[in-house]
Protein backbone atom coordinates (compact mmCIF):
# COMPACT_ATOMS: atom_id res chain seq x y z
CA MET A 1 50.23 28.24 20.80
CA GLN A 2 47.36 28.39 23.31
CA GLU A 3 47.81 30.31 26.53
CA ASN A 4 45.40 31.04 29.37
CA ASP A 5 47.36 33.44 31.67
CA ASN A 6 45.74 33.79 35.19
CA ARG A 7 47.46 36.60 36.85
CA GLY A 8 46.68 39.22 39.32
CA CYS A 9 45.77 37.49 42.49
CA ALA A 10 48.15 38.64 45.37
CA LEU A 11 46.65 36.40 48.23
CA PRO A 12 48.75 33.81 49.97
CA LEU A 13 48.34 30.34 48.15
CA HIS A 14 46.45 29.05 51.10
CA PHE A 15 43.75 31.56 50.49
CA VAL A 16 43.98 31.63 46.72
CA GLY A 17 40.78 29.22 46.49
CA ARG A 18 38.73 32.27 47.16
CA CYS A 19 40.20 34.19 44.33
CA SER A 20 38.63 33.65 41.00
CA ALA A 21 41.56 35.16 39.43
CA GLY A 22 44.08 33.14 41.01
CA LEU A 23 46.27 30.23 39.72
CA GLY A 24 44.29 28.46 37.13
CA GLY A 25 41.04 30.33 38.18
CA ALA A 26 37.76 28.59 37.75
CA MET A 27 38.20 26.74 34.43
CA PRO A 28 35.07 27.17 32.27
CA ARG A 29 32.59 24.10 32.24
CA GLU A 30 32.47 24.26 28.45
CA VAL A 31 35.22 23.07 26.15
CA ALA A 32 34.70 23.34 22.38
CA PHE A 33 36.88 22.31 19.64
CA ARG A 34 36.39 21.68 15.91
CA MET A 35 37.54 18.61 14.23
CA SER A 36 38.09 20.27 11.05
CA GLY A 37 38.14 17.99 7.98
CA LEU A 38 37.64 15.00 10.11
CA LYS A 39 36.51 12.00 8.32
CA ALA A 40 35.55 9.30 10.91
CA ALA A 41 35.85 5.83 9.73
CA ALA A 42 33.59 2.93 10.65
CA GLY A 43 30.37 5.00 11.18
CA GLY A 44 31.91 7.91 13.06
CA THR A 45 34.18 6.08 15.46
CA VAL A 46 36.79 8.79 15.71
CA ALA A 47 34.36 11.51 16.05
CA LEU A 48 32.79 9.71 18.87
CA ILE A 49 36.09 9.27 20.50
CA ALA A 50 36.80 13.09 20.29
CA ALA A 51 33.36 13.82 21.75
CA VAL A 52 33.95 11.48 24.61
CA ILE A 53 37.24 13.11 25.32
CA ILE A 54 35.23 16.39 25.79
CA VAL A 55 32.70 14.71 27.99
CA ALA A 56 35.43 12.98 29.99
CA THR A 57 37.13 16.23 30.52
CA LEU A 58 34.12 17.83 31.91
CA ALA A 59 33.50 14.84 34.15
CA ILE A 60 36.94 14.60 35.29
CA GLY A 61 36.86 18.24 36.05
CA PRO A 62 39.62 20.88 35.93
CA SER A 63 41.87 19.89 38.81
CA SER A 64 43.51 23.11 38.72
CA ALA A 65 40.63 24.65 40.42
CA GLN A 66 40.80 22.39 43.51
CA PRO A 67 42.03 24.02 46.50
CA SER A 68 44.28 21.20 47.51
CA VAL A 69 46.36 21.75 44.21
CA GLN A 70 46.31 25.47 44.62
CA GLU A 71 47.72 25.20 48.18
CA SER A 72 50.40 22.61 47.14
CA TYR A 73 51.68 24.97 44.34
CA VAL A 74 55.53 24.65 44.44
CA LEU A 75 57.58 27.82 43.59
CA GLY A 76 60.08 27.67 40.86
CA PRO A 77 62.33 29.90 38.69
CA GLY A 78 60.35 32.51 36.94
CA ASP A 79 57.73 33.14 39.72
CA THR A 80 57.56 36.69 40.96
CA ILE A 81 56.69 36.71 44.80
CA ASP A 82 55.93 39.38 47.35
CA ILE A 83 57.63 39.03 50.72
CA VAL A 84 56.08 41.31 53.29
CA ILE A 85 57.75 41.64 56.72
CA TYR A 86 55.03 43.46 58.86
CA GLY A 87 56.50 46.49 60.42
CA GLU A 88 59.62 46.51 58.31
CA PRO A 89 58.85 48.03 54.92
CA ASP A 90 62.58 48.49 54.07
CA LEU A 91 63.14 44.85 54.36
CA SER A 92 60.04 43.86 52.32
CA ARG A 93 60.72 42.93 48.73
CA THR A 94 59.13 41.86 45.47
CA VAL A 95 61.49 39.38 43.75
CA THR A 96 61.63 36.91 40.88
CA ILE A 97 62.97 33.50 41.58
CA LYS A 98 66.27 33.28 39.69
CA PRO A 99 67.09 30.25 37.57
CA ASP A 100 69.31 28.66 40.30
CA GLY A 101 66.19 28.80 42.43
CA ALA A 102 67.19 31.41 44.89
CA VAL A 103 66.08 34.97 45.89
CA SER A 104 68.33 37.84 47.13
CA LEU A 105 67.10 39.50 50.39
CA PRO A 106 68.32 42.08 52.74
CA LEU A 107 70.33 40.70 55.68
CA LEU A 108 69.97 37.13 54.60
CA GLY A 109 71.53 37.21 51.08
CA GLU A 110 70.78 34.29 48.79
CA VAL A 111 67.86 32.08 50.09
CA LYS A 112 66.43 29.02 48.25
CA ALA A 113 62.88 29.54 47.33
CA ALA A 114 62.42 26.96 44.37
CA GLY A 115 60.79 23.82 45.60
CA ARG A 116 58.92 25.37 48.43
CA THR A 117 55.39 26.45 48.86
CA THR A 118 54.57 29.91 49.90
CA THR A 119 53.72 28.72 53.45
CA GLN A 120 57.02 26.79 53.69
CA LEU A 121 59.04 29.75 52.41
CA ALA A 122 57.32 32.07 54.86
CA ALA A 123 58.06 29.59 57.61
CA ASP A 124 61.89 29.54 56.41
CA LEU A 125 62.29 33.37 56.42
CA THR A 126 60.59 33.81 59.69
CA ARG A 127 63.21 31.35 61.17
CA LEU A 128 66.04 33.07 59.41
CA TYR A 129 65.00 36.69 60.29
CA ALA A 130 64.46 35.74 63.83
CA ARG A 131 68.32 36.20 64.18
CA TYR A 132 67.83 39.97 63.33
CA LEU A 133 64.25 40.86 64.31
CA LYS A 134 62.03 40.08 67.29
CA GLN A 135 59.33 37.76 66.56
CA PRO A 136 59.07 38.63 62.76
CA SER A 137 55.61 38.32 60.96
CA ILE A 138 56.25 37.44 57.43
CA SER A 139 53.86 36.52 54.48
CA VAL A 140 54.71 35.24 50.92
CA THR A 141 52.34 35.54 48.19
CA VAL A 142 52.65 35.02 44.44
CA ARG A 143 52.41 38.20 42.38
CA GLU A 144 53.01 36.60 38.93
CA PHE A 145 53.01 32.87 38.23
CA ARG A 146 55.70 31.42 35.84
CA VAL A 147 54.41 29.99 32.66
CA ASP A 148 55.40 26.45 32.33
CA ARG A 149 55.13 24.72 28.78
CA ILE A 150 54.28 21.36 27.40
CA TYR A 151 54.45 20.28 23.76
CA ILE A 152 51.65 18.28 22.13
CA LEU A 153 52.68 16.80 18.92
CA GLY A 154 51.48 14.04 16.50
CA GLN A 155 47.86 13.14 15.56
CA VAL A 156 46.01 16.00 17.21
CA SER A 157 44.02 18.77 15.41
CA ARG A 158 46.32 21.65 16.62
CA PRO A 159 49.87 20.40 17.52
CA GLY A 160 51.99 22.92 19.13
CA GLU A 161 53.14 24.42 22.48
CA TYR A 162 50.56 24.78 25.52
CA GLN A 163 50.67 26.23 28.87
CA LEU A 164 50.91 23.66 31.63
CA ARG A 165 48.76 24.84 34.42
CA PRO A 166 49.19 23.06 37.87
CA GLY A 167 47.02 20.07 38.16
CA ILE A 168 45.87 19.94 34.61
CA GLY A 169 45.36 16.38 33.25
CA ILE A 170 46.41 14.80 30.03
CA MET A 171 42.64 14.54 28.87
CA GLU A 172 42.24 18.30 29.26
CA LEU A 173 45.41 18.86 27.27
CA ILE A 174 44.36 16.72 24.39
CA ALA A 175 41.09 18.76 24.23
CA SER A 176 42.86 21.89 24.33
CA ALA A 177 44.85 20.74 21.28
CA GLY A 178 41.66 20.36 19.34
CA GLY A 179 41.15 16.51 20.08
CA PRO A 180 42.67 13.53 18.17
CA THR A 181 42.67 13.24 14.43
CA ASN A 182 41.19 10.29 12.59
CA ARG A 183 44.58 8.75 12.50
CA ALA A 184 45.36 8.92 16.14
CA ASP A 185 46.22 5.83 18.11
CA LEU A 186 45.27 6.72 21.56
CA ALA A 187 46.27 3.37 22.95
CA LYS A 188 50.01 4.27 22.37
CA VAL A 189 50.40 7.82 23.40
CA VAL A 190 54.01 8.61 24.46
CA VAL A 191 55.31 11.18 27.11
CA ILE A 192 58.83 12.15 26.40
CA ARG A 193 60.66 13.68 29.12
CA GLY A 194 64.29 15.08 28.66
CA ARG A 195 66.70 13.16 26.56
CA THR A 196 66.51 9.71 28.09
CA GLU A 197 63.14 9.17 29.65
CA ALA A 198 59.95 8.16 27.68
CA PHE A 199 56.86 6.07 28.85
CA GLN A 200 53.54 5.03 27.21
CA LEU A 201 50.07 5.71 28.04
CA ASN A 202 46.78 4.13 27.04
CA LEU A 203 44.17 6.93 26.80
CA LEU A 204 41.59 4.44 25.58
CA GLU A 205 41.61 3.06 29.12
CA ALA A 206 41.49 6.43 30.63
CA LEU A 207 38.26 7.11 28.54
CA ALA A 208 36.74 3.77 29.58
CA THR A 209 37.38 4.69 33.41
CA ASN A 210 36.62 8.42 33.03
CA ARG A 211 39.68 9.19 34.84
CA ASN A 212 43.07 10.94 33.99
CA PRO A 213 46.10 8.70 33.89
CA GLU A 214 48.09 8.66 36.98
CA VAL A 215 50.90 10.69 35.49
CA LYS A 216 52.18 14.11 36.49
CA LEU A 217 53.25 16.11 33.66
CA LEU A 218 56.26 18.35 33.90
CA ALA A 219 57.40 21.55 32.18
CA GLY A 220 59.06 20.65 28.97
CA ASP A 221 57.43 17.29 28.51
CA VAL A 222 56.35 16.22 25.04
CA LEU A 223 52.95 14.57 24.78
CA PHE A 224 53.13 12.49 21.45
CA VAL A 225 49.98 10.95 19.94
CA PRO A 226 51.27 8.51 17.27
CA GLU A 227 49.59 7.56 13.96
CA THR A 228 47.83 4.16 13.90
CA ASP A 229 49.80 1.44 12.21
CA LYS A 230 46.87 -0.31 10.76
CA ARG A 231 47.70 0.63 7.13
CA ILE A 232 48.42 -1.54 4.13
CA VAL A 233 50.26 -0.29 0.86
CA ILE A 234 49.58 -1.31 -2.63
CA LEU A 235 52.18 -0.45 -5.34
CA GLY A 236 52.52 -1.07 -9.10
CA GLN A 237 50.01 -1.48 -11.78
CA VAL A 238 46.86 -0.30 -10.01
CA ASN A 239 45.02 3.04 -10.69
CA ARG A 240 45.44 4.51 -7.25
CA PRO A 241 48.61 3.15 -5.69
CA GLY A 242 49.41 4.22 -2.10
CA ALA A 243 48.57 3.52 1.56
CA TYR A 244 45.03 2.70 2.87
CA ASP A 245 43.49 2.06 6.06
CA LEU A 246 42.92 -1.62 7.01
CA LEU A 247 39.47 -2.39 8.07
CA GLU A 248 38.48 -5.49 9.85
CA GLY A 249 38.04 -8.53 7.67
CA GLN A 250 39.51 -6.78 4.53
CA ARG A 251 40.90 -9.13 1.74
CA VAL A 252 42.95 -8.50 -1.45
CA SER A 253 39.81 -7.86 -3.43
CA ASP A 254 38.90 -5.11 -1.06
CA LEU A 255 42.31 -3.54 -1.49
CA ILE A 256 42.23 -3.77 -5.27
CA ALA A 257 38.76 -2.09 -5.36
CA ALA A 258 39.95 0.84 -2.90
CA ALA A 259 42.98 1.26 -5.23
CA GLY A 260 40.78 1.77 -8.36
CA GLY A 261 41.31 -1.65 -9.92
CA LEU A 262 44.11 -2.83 -12.06
CA THR A 263 45.62 -1.26 -15.11
CA PRO A 264 45.70 -2.78 -18.49
CA ARG A 265 49.43 -3.58 -17.93
CA ALA A 266 49.08 -5.49 -14.66
CA ALA A 267 50.68 -8.96 -14.37
CA ALA A 268 47.74 -10.27 -12.36
CA GLN A 269 49.20 -13.81 -11.87
CA GLN A 270 52.75 -12.46 -10.78
CA SER A 271 51.34 -10.33 -8.02
CA PHE A 272 52.49 -10.86 -4.29
CA ILE A 273 52.28 -9.57 -0.85
CA VAL A 274 55.39 -8.59 1.16
CA ARG A 275 54.56 -9.53 4.86
CA GLY A 276 57.78 -8.97 6.98
CA SER A 277 60.31 -11.06 5.39
CA GLU A 278 57.81 -13.23 3.80
CA GLN A 279 56.34 -13.13 0.21
CA VAL A 280 52.95 -14.45 -0.27
CA PRO A 281 52.04 -15.10 -3.89
CA VAL A 282 48.67 -13.80 -5.10
CA ASP A 283 46.94 -14.74 -8.30
CA LEU A 284 44.74 -11.84 -9.06
CA GLN A 285 43.08 -13.51 -11.81
CA LYS A 286 41.69 -16.12 -9.43
CA VAL A 287 40.70 -13.32 -6.94
CA LEU A 288 38.93 -11.18 -9.39
CA ALA A 289 37.07 -14.45 -10.66
CA GLY A 290 35.84 -14.93 -7.11
CA ASP A 291 38.08 -17.70 -5.95
CA ARG A 292 37.86 -17.17 -2.04
CA ASP A 293 40.90 -19.28 -1.38
CA ALA A 294 43.10 -17.03 -3.45
CA ASN A 295 41.52 -13.94 -1.96
CA VAL A 296 44.17 -13.62 0.95
CA ALA A 297 43.15 -11.89 4.37
CA LEU A 298 45.21 -8.88 4.77
CA ARG A 299 47.14 -7.84 7.89
CA ALA A 300 48.41 -4.41 9.07
CA GLY A 301 51.68 -3.65 7.41
CA ASP A 302 51.20 -5.65 4.37
CA MET A 303 52.57 -4.34 1.07
CA MET A 304 50.98 -5.64 -2.13
CA VAL A 305 52.91 -5.48 -5.35
CA VAL A 306 51.28 -5.76 -8.82
CA PRO A 307 54.19 -5.96 -11.37
CA GLU A 308 53.83 -4.73 -14.83
CA SER A 309 53.00 -7.22 -17.48
CA GLN A 310 55.34 -6.55 -20.29
CA ASN A 311 57.07 -8.63 -23.03
CA ARG A 312 60.43 -7.03 -22.09
CA VAL A 313 63.59 -7.65 -20.29
CA ALA A 314 65.92 -5.29 -18.41
CA VAL A 315 69.80 -5.19 -18.52
CA PHE A 316 71.64 -3.15 -16.05
CA GLY A 317 75.10 -3.01 -14.24
CA ALA A 318 78.51 -3.05 -15.97
CA VAL A 319 77.11 -2.73 -19.53
CA ASN A 320 77.47 0.13 -21.98
CA SER A 321 73.80 0.89 -22.54
CA PRO A 322 71.61 -0.28 -19.63
CA GLY A 323 67.98 -0.24 -20.04
CA GLN A 324 64.70 -2.26 -21.01
CA PHE A 325 64.62 -4.15 -24.26
CA THR A 326 61.82 -5.88 -26.20
CA LEU A 327 61.82 -9.64 -25.56
CA THR A 328 61.91 -11.49 -28.81
CA GLU A 329 61.31 -15.27 -29.35
CA GLY A 330 64.23 -17.44 -28.40
CA MET A 331 66.24 -14.45 -26.76
CA LYS A 332 69.06 -15.57 -24.44
CA VAL A 333 71.25 -13.88 -21.91
CA VAL A 334 74.09 -13.27 -24.34
CA ASP A 335 71.58 -11.65 -26.84
CA ALA A 336 70.22 -9.28 -23.98
CA VAL A 337 73.74 -8.21 -23.06
CA ALA A 338 74.67 -7.55 -26.72
CA LEU A 339 71.48 -5.26 -27.02
CA ALA A 340 72.76 -3.21 -24.05
CA GLY A 341 75.91 -2.46 -25.81
CA GLY A 342 77.93 -5.36 -24.35
CA PRO A 343 79.93 -5.43 -21.12
CA THR A 344 82.19 -2.56 -20.05
CA GLY A 345 85.79 -3.13 -19.56
CA ARG A 346 85.06 -3.78 -15.91
CA GLY A 347 82.11 -6.13 -16.59
CA ARG A 348 82.35 -9.72 -15.09
CA LEU A 349 80.76 -11.92 -17.42
CA SER A 350 81.54 -14.99 -15.29
CA GLN A 351 78.98 -13.91 -12.66
CA VAL A 352 75.99 -12.61 -14.43
CA ILE A 353 72.89 -12.75 -12.31
CA ILE A 354 69.30 -13.22 -13.62
CA VAL A 355 66.40 -12.09 -11.33
CA ARG A 356 63.16 -13.58 -12.16
CA VAL A 357 59.73 -13.21 -10.52
CA ALA A 358 57.56 -16.32 -10.82
CA GLY A 359 54.33 -16.97 -9.00
CA GLY A 360 55.07 -14.12 -6.64
CA GLN A 361 58.37 -15.63 -5.68
CA VAL A 362 61.78 -13.95 -6.58
CA LYS A 363 64.39 -16.21 -7.97
CA ARG A 364 67.93 -15.53 -8.56
CA LEU A 365 69.99 -17.37 -11.06
CA GLU A 366 73.69 -16.94 -11.61
CA VAL A 367 75.38 -17.84 -15.02
CA ASN A 368 78.79 -17.88 -16.57
CA LEU A 369 78.62 -16.12 -19.87
CA GLU A 370 82.31 -16.44 -20.42
CA ARG A 371 81.97 -20.20 -20.69
CA ALA A 372 78.92 -19.81 -22.77
CA ILE A 373 80.69 -17.27 -25.22
CA ALA A 374 83.66 -19.57 -25.38
CA GLY A 375 81.52 -22.43 -26.34
CA GLN A 376 82.48 -24.46 -23.12
CA ASP A 377 79.04 -24.61 -21.60
CA ALA A 378 75.98 -23.71 -23.76
CA SER A 379 73.68 -24.31 -20.84
CA GLN A 380 74.89 -21.04 -19.23
CA ASN A 381 73.29 -19.08 -21.92
CA VAL A 382 69.82 -19.17 -20.39
CA LEU A 383 66.57 -18.58 -22.39
CA LEU A 384 65.04 -15.32 -21.12
CA GLN A 385 61.32 -14.85 -20.04
CA SER A 386 59.34 -11.77 -19.93
CA GLY A 387 60.07 -9.67 -16.99
CA ASP A 388 63.56 -11.04 -16.40
CA ILE A 389 66.34 -8.54 -14.90
CA VAL A 390 69.84 -9.28 -16.16
CA PHE A 391 72.57 -7.67 -13.89
CA VAL A 392 76.21 -7.77 -15.05
CA PRO A 393 78.38 -7.05 -11.91
CA ASP A 394 81.43 -4.89 -11.83
CA ARG A 395 84.74 -6.62 -11.23
CA LEU A 396 85.58 -4.21 -8.33
CA THR A 397 82.18 -4.29 -6.71
CA VAL A 398 80.85 -7.82 -7.44
CA GLY A 399 80.40 -8.37 -3.63
CA GLN A 400 77.73 -5.75 -3.79
CA ALA A 401 75.46 -7.46 -6.35
CA GLY A 402 73.36 -9.01 -3.65
CA GLU A 403 72.63 -5.64 -2.20
CA TRP A 404 71.50 -4.35 -5.39
CA LEU A 405 69.26 -7.16 -6.00
CA ASN A 406 67.08 -7.02 -2.95
CA LEU A 407 63.29 -6.90 -3.16
CA PHE A 408 62.85 -3.08 -3.16
CA ASN A 409 65.39 -2.52 -5.89
CA LEU A 410 63.64 -5.24 -7.96
CA ILE A 411 60.30 -3.32 -7.47
CA ARG A 412 62.04 -0.21 -8.60
CA LEU A 413 63.25 -1.61 -11.57
CA VAL A 414 60.17 -3.52 -12.58
CA PHE A 415 58.14 -0.17 -12.25
CA GLY A 416 60.55 1.56 -14.76
CA VAL A 417 62.41 3.98 -12.31
CA TRP A 418 66.16 3.76 -13.45
């Protein structure tokens, strides 16, 4: 948590510009922060942005030092103020504004102070005390300023709670939090206010115009710097599966190289890209052979799947011994179910499902093994292929079979996580 407590100036706010220890004081002209561990992509772009934020902060200037901001300081709960009634020491008071915004004063009782400047409050009290005193002369000064807080979260170097000084801008706050990380998306910064209000800011535009956004931050606001969504994911039979930054013009071959290449068990011709609800087949054999047409251009959010090439089939669902089994020549569905210990008492053999990945496309076949076993329809006993997944649904949950066989469960199964 970072604080810069400026206290001790007891002059009226309309004179506070002369007091270097007053509200906000004179903000130092040097702002420094370390971008620890920062790895700037594309030749130092992020480091440059961070540096520009510092320069922009200095160029914009700390508005909290401007007299107009100081004079317009609005009192609120937590402020401690000196109320001096000249010639009436018994009526003068040092009071702290209560959570309801009021102060308790002799003769007057409860008087609203929150939402008023010191000048306005002095005028209010002069008018009220005129009922009891002849031509009262009253001054109001801030003895101790309340400490308002704001929260800076997300992709900044030092997320946490920070002091919200009057007039401070968003650029200064980002700088006080150590600047953006190399994953920050400055075009989509969000201010969250309370439980129902949120709005988005483009700090890249603010940097371009060298001006703070025209947004007044309030105590309790959350300033959230999101992570850039320009990422792509590769899963399966590569040496370093995971998420990678998407660079301009990047293609499948670049992603394979970044992931350390294919493992010996990769099914290169059965790979595919998940792009939203679409599946894009990718023949990695052609890609690695230099075929540009097969080398698909990548988009943000793409997920590439490189299945395992194995001469095996999987059987799961309502069978006694679900698992993976070696595919032998001529193996059919009935043979695979038998290897899995046969169906349980609740297995529905009339609606056995086969999931098959071919050319990057997921195909779903439904067969009736009851008819095949009874010799009524031999065509239902389908010849299996390497990588096939056989699912025997439960009689009580047959309607859920489709949910089990979505793409991500398929990937989970193909990768051997049971």
